[in-house]
Amino acid sequence: MNENINFYNANAEFLAVQYKSISASIVHGSWKHLLLKLDKATKTALDVGAGSGRDASWLANQNFQVTALEPAKKLLSQAKKNFPHNNIQWLNDSLPSLKTINNECCFDVVLVSAVWMHLSPINQCKSLERLMPLIKFRGLLVITIRVGNFEDGRTAYPFNADELVEQAKNNKLTIKINNISNDKMQRSNVTWQTLVFERD
C-alpha cells in the first residue's frame, strides 16, 4: 500500500487535474439514482480514498455532510485547495484501519471508489468488516474497482466479485447493483466494476 501512496503523493497535481476532467455524476452514473431515495433533512456520507475531492464535493453539493478520507497527504492537500466546502471534513486516513472514525459514526452512504484493487485480499476482507458498522440501516455501500493492470508502478491486487458479494451477504448487506462499464477516460485496457450494497 505504501508504494501506492507514494505514487499518489508524487503525482498529486497531475492526478487532481485528471480526476477533475470527468464529472462525478458521469463516473457514478450507474448508481446515482439511488441517492434520490435518501430524502432526509440531514444526510451523511463517508468518502474513503477521496483522492482529488471530486466525489466528496459532488456529494456535498447534494446536501450531504461528508467525511472525506485520503491517505496521500499531497493529494489531500489538493482536494482541500480545489474543493473548499463547509459540508466536507477532510481527514488523513485509510483502510482497513480507519483510525479517525469511531464506531459511533454512521453514514447514509459509504463510497469506496478506486481503492479496493489497492488492498490485498486479506485487507479487502478486513475492510468490509471495518466498514459494516459504519453504514446506517438502509444505507448504501458503494465500491468501484478498476479492472486492468497498472503500467505506472502502482500495485493492484486480484479480487473476486462473487466472494465479495457473499461476504457482504454474511454481513447483512444486500447487493443492489453489480455493473461492469467501460473506462470514462477511454482507456481501452481498463474497465470498472461497481458494486452497490444496501444494509438490511
Protein backbone atom coordinates (compact mmCIF):
# COMPACT_ATOMS: atom_id res chain seq x y z
CA MET A 1 0.00 0.00 0.00
CA ASN A 2 2.85 2.40 0.78
CA GLU A 3 4.18 2.33 -2.78
CA ASN A 4 0.72 3.32 -4.00
CA ILE A 5 0.54 6.20 -1.51
CA ASN A 6 3.97 7.32 -2.67
CA PHE A 7 2.72 7.32 -6.27
CA TYR A 8 -0.33 9.44 -5.41
CA ASN A 9 1.81 11.90 -3.45
CA ALA A 10 4.37 12.21 -6.26
CA ASN A 11 1.67 12.78 -8.89
CA ALA A 12 -0.87 14.71 -6.83
CA GLU A 13 -1.18 17.81 -9.03
CA PHE A 14 -1.46 15.86 -12.28
CA LEU A 15 -3.98 13.42 -10.83
CA ALA A 16 -6.11 16.20 -9.37
CA VAL A 17 -6.45 17.73 -12.85
CA GLN A 18 -7.09 14.33 -14.45
CA TYR A 19 -9.83 13.36 -12.00
CA LYS A 20 -11.50 16.75 -12.27
CA SER A 21 -11.75 16.35 -16.05
CA ILE A 22 -14.56 13.78 -15.65
CA SER A 23 -17.55 14.75 -13.53
CA ALA A 24 -18.55 12.56 -10.59
CA SER A 25 -22.08 12.46 -11.97
CA ILE A 26 -20.78 10.66 -15.06
CA VAL A 27 -18.37 8.39 -13.17
CA HIS A 28 -21.12 7.30 -10.76
CA GLY A 29 -23.97 7.34 -13.23
CA SER A 30 -24.90 3.69 -12.68
CA TRP A 31 -25.98 4.23 -9.07
CA LYS A 32 -26.56 7.95 -8.52
CA HIS A 33 -30.33 7.45 -8.82
CA LEU A 34 -30.23 5.57 -5.50
CA LEU A 35 -29.32 8.83 -3.76
CA LEU A 36 -32.82 10.10 -4.51
CA LYS A 37 -34.20 7.55 -2.03
CA LEU A 38 -32.21 9.20 0.75
CA ASP A 39 -34.66 12.05 1.15
CA LYS A 40 -33.64 13.29 4.58
CA ALA A 41 -33.06 16.69 6.11
CA THR A 42 -29.60 15.55 7.23
CA LYS A 43 -27.65 13.08 5.12
CA THR A 44 -24.14 11.83 5.80
CA ALA A 45 -21.50 10.28 3.58
CA LEU A 46 -18.08 8.74 4.09
CA ASP A 47 -15.75 9.00 1.09
CA VAL A 48 -12.89 6.55 1.62
CA GLY A 49 -9.95 7.28 -0.65
CA ALA A 50 -11.27 10.71 -1.54
CA GLY A 51 -8.40 11.46 -3.90
CA SER A 52 -8.77 14.86 -5.53
CA GLY A 53 -12.00 15.58 -3.66
CA ARG A 54 -14.22 15.45 -6.73
CA ASP A 55 -16.65 12.88 -5.35
CA ALA A 56 -16.77 14.44 -1.88
CA SER A 57 -17.65 17.78 -3.45
CA TRP A 58 -20.34 16.14 -5.59
CA LEU A 59 -21.95 14.62 -2.51
CA ALA A 60 -21.61 17.85 -0.52
CA ASN A 61 -23.39 19.71 -3.31
CA GLN A 62 -26.30 17.28 -2.83
CA ASN A 63 -26.62 18.33 0.80
CA PHE A 64 -24.58 15.53 2.33
CA GLN A 65 -22.37 16.15 5.31
CA VAL A 66 -19.23 14.43 4.02
CA THR A 67 -16.28 12.93 5.86
CA ALA A 68 -13.55 12.53 3.25
CA LEU A 69 -10.55 10.28 3.95
CA GLU A 70 -7.35 10.24 1.89
CA PRO A 71 -4.01 8.60 2.86
CA ALA A 72 -1.84 10.55 0.37
CA LYS A 73 -1.20 13.85 2.12
CA LYS A 74 -0.29 15.81 -1.03
CA LEU A 75 -3.41 14.63 -2.82
CA LEU A 76 -5.43 15.52 0.27
CA SER A 77 -3.90 19.00 0.15
CA GLN A 78 -5.03 19.34 -3.48
CA ALA A 79 -8.54 18.29 -2.51
CA LYS A 80 -8.75 20.87 0.27
CA LYS A 81 -7.50 23.59 -2.06
CA ASN A 82 -9.68 22.72 -5.04
CA PHE A 83 -12.91 21.95 -3.17
CA PRO A 84 -13.25 24.19 -0.12
CA HIS A 85 -16.68 23.26 1.15
CA ASN A 86 -18.29 23.76 4.55
CA ASN A 87 -20.00 20.36 4.27
CA ILE A 88 -16.74 18.41 3.99
CA GLN A 89 -14.42 17.30 6.78
CA TRP A 90 -11.04 16.26 5.36
CA LEU A 91 -9.01 13.60 7.22
CA ASN A 92 -5.78 11.70 6.55
CA ASP A 93 -6.75 8.03 6.91
CA SER A 94 -7.02 4.74 5.03
CA LEU A 95 -8.46 1.24 5.04
CA PRO A 96 -8.52 -1.18 6.70
CA SER A 97 -7.89 0.64 9.99
CA LEU A 98 -9.82 3.94 9.62
CA LYS A 99 -8.27 5.18 12.86
CA THR A 100 -10.01 8.57 12.70
CA ILE A 101 -13.51 7.05 12.54
CA ASN A 102 -15.15 5.55 15.60
CA ASN A 103 -17.96 3.01 15.50
CA GLU A 104 -20.46 5.54 16.81
CA CYS A 105 -20.34 7.25 13.42
CA CYS A 106 -22.94 6.04 10.95
CA PHE A 107 -23.39 7.11 7.36
CA ASP A 108 -26.14 7.01 4.77
CA VAL A 109 -23.56 6.45 2.03
CA VAL A 110 -20.11 4.91 2.25
CA LEU A 111 -18.21 5.38 -1.02
CA VAL A 112 -15.01 3.43 -1.70
CA SER A 113 -14.10 4.46 -5.22
CA ALA A 114 -10.94 3.23 -7.00
CA VAL A 115 -9.45 1.90 -3.75
CA TRP A 116 -10.39 -1.78 -3.43
CA MET A 117 -7.88 -3.04 -6.01
CA HIS A 118 -5.06 -1.48 -3.97
CA LEU A 119 -5.95 -3.64 -0.97
CA SER A 120 -4.51 -7.11 -0.53
CA PRO A 121 -7.11 -9.91 -0.35
CA ILE A 122 -6.79 -10.12 3.44
CA ASN A 123 -7.21 -6.35 3.74
CA GLN A 124 -10.22 -6.47 1.46
CA CYS A 125 -11.87 -8.80 3.98
CA LYS A 126 -10.77 -6.66 6.91
CA SER A 127 -12.03 -3.53 5.18
CA LEU A 128 -15.53 -4.86 4.64
CA GLU A 129 -15.70 -5.90 8.29
CA ARG A 130 -14.48 -2.43 9.31
CA LEU A 131 -16.99 -0.61 7.11
CA MET A 132 -20.03 -2.69 8.06
CA PRO A 133 -20.86 -0.99 11.40
CA LEU A 134 -20.46 2.45 9.80
CA ILE A 135 -23.45 2.01 7.47
CA LYS A 136 -26.90 3.08 8.61
CA PHE A 137 -29.95 0.86 8.23
CA ARG A 138 -30.95 1.13 4.55
CA GLY A 139 -27.68 2.95 3.91
CA LEU A 140 -25.51 2.27 0.88
CA LEU A 141 -22.02 0.87 0.48
CA VAL A 142 -20.61 1.69 -2.96
CA ILE A 143 -17.39 0.04 -4.12
CA THR A 144 -15.91 0.80 -7.54
CA ILE A 145 -12.99 -1.31 -8.70
CA ARG A 146 -10.62 -0.72 -11.59
CA VAL A 147 -10.11 -3.88 -13.62
CA GLY A 148 -6.88 -3.90 -15.58
CA ASN A 149 -3.17 -3.72 -14.89
CA PHE A 150 -1.41 -0.52 -13.94
CA GLU A 151 1.61 0.40 -16.04
CA ASP A 152 2.91 3.20 -13.85
CA GLY A 153 4.26 1.44 -10.78
CA ARG A 154 1.05 1.18 -8.77
CA THR A 155 0.16 -2.20 -7.29
CA ALA A 156 -3.21 -3.82 -7.90
CA TYR A 157 -4.45 -6.99 -6.24
CA PRO A 158 -6.96 -9.51 -7.58
CA PHE A 159 -10.48 -9.52 -6.26
CA ASN A 160 -13.36 -11.92 -6.60
CA ALA A 161 -16.72 -10.21 -7.00
CA ASP A 162 -18.67 -13.36 -6.07
CA GLU A 163 -16.70 -13.70 -2.84
CA LEU A 164 -17.21 -10.03 -2.05
CA VAL A 165 -20.96 -10.34 -2.59
CA GLU A 166 -21.07 -13.45 -0.39
CA GLN A 167 -19.05 -11.80 2.36
CA ALA A 168 -21.32 -8.76 2.18
CA LYS A 169 -24.38 -11.00 2.44
CA ASN A 170 -22.93 -12.58 5.58
CA ASN A 171 -22.58 -9.03 6.97
CA LYS A 172 -26.25 -8.21 6.28
CA LEU A 173 -25.57 -6.28 3.09
CA THR A 174 -27.79 -6.91 0.07
CA ILE A 175 -26.42 -6.40 -3.42
CA LYS A 176 -28.40 -3.80 -5.38
CA ILE A 177 -26.12 -3.18 -8.35
CA ASN A 178 -23.30 -5.24 -9.88
CA ASN A 179 -22.26 -3.42 -13.00
CA ILE A 180 -19.27 -3.53 -15.38
CA SER A 181 -18.63 -0.47 -17.51
CA ASN A 182 -16.05 0.98 -19.89
CA ASP A 183 -13.48 3.45 -18.66
CA LYS A 184 -14.76 7.03 -18.78
CA MET A 185 -11.29 8.20 -19.86
CA GLN A 186 -11.49 5.93 -22.91
CA ARG A 187 -8.60 3.70 -21.85
CA SER A 188 -9.10 0.51 -23.85
CA ASN A 189 -7.31 -1.75 -21.34
CA VAL A 190 -9.38 -0.60 -18.35
CA THR A 191 -12.91 -1.44 -17.24
CA TRP A 192 -14.70 -0.72 -13.96
CA GLN A 193 -16.85 -2.89 -11.75
CA THR A 194 -19.33 -1.15 -9.48
CA LEU A 195 -20.97 -2.95 -6.59
CA VAL A 196 -23.65 -1.25 -4.54
CA PHE A 197 -24.94 -2.82 -1.34
CA GLU A 198 -27.77 -1.83 0.98
CA ARG A 199 -27.65 -2.59 4.68
CA ASP A 200 -30.53 -4.79 5.81
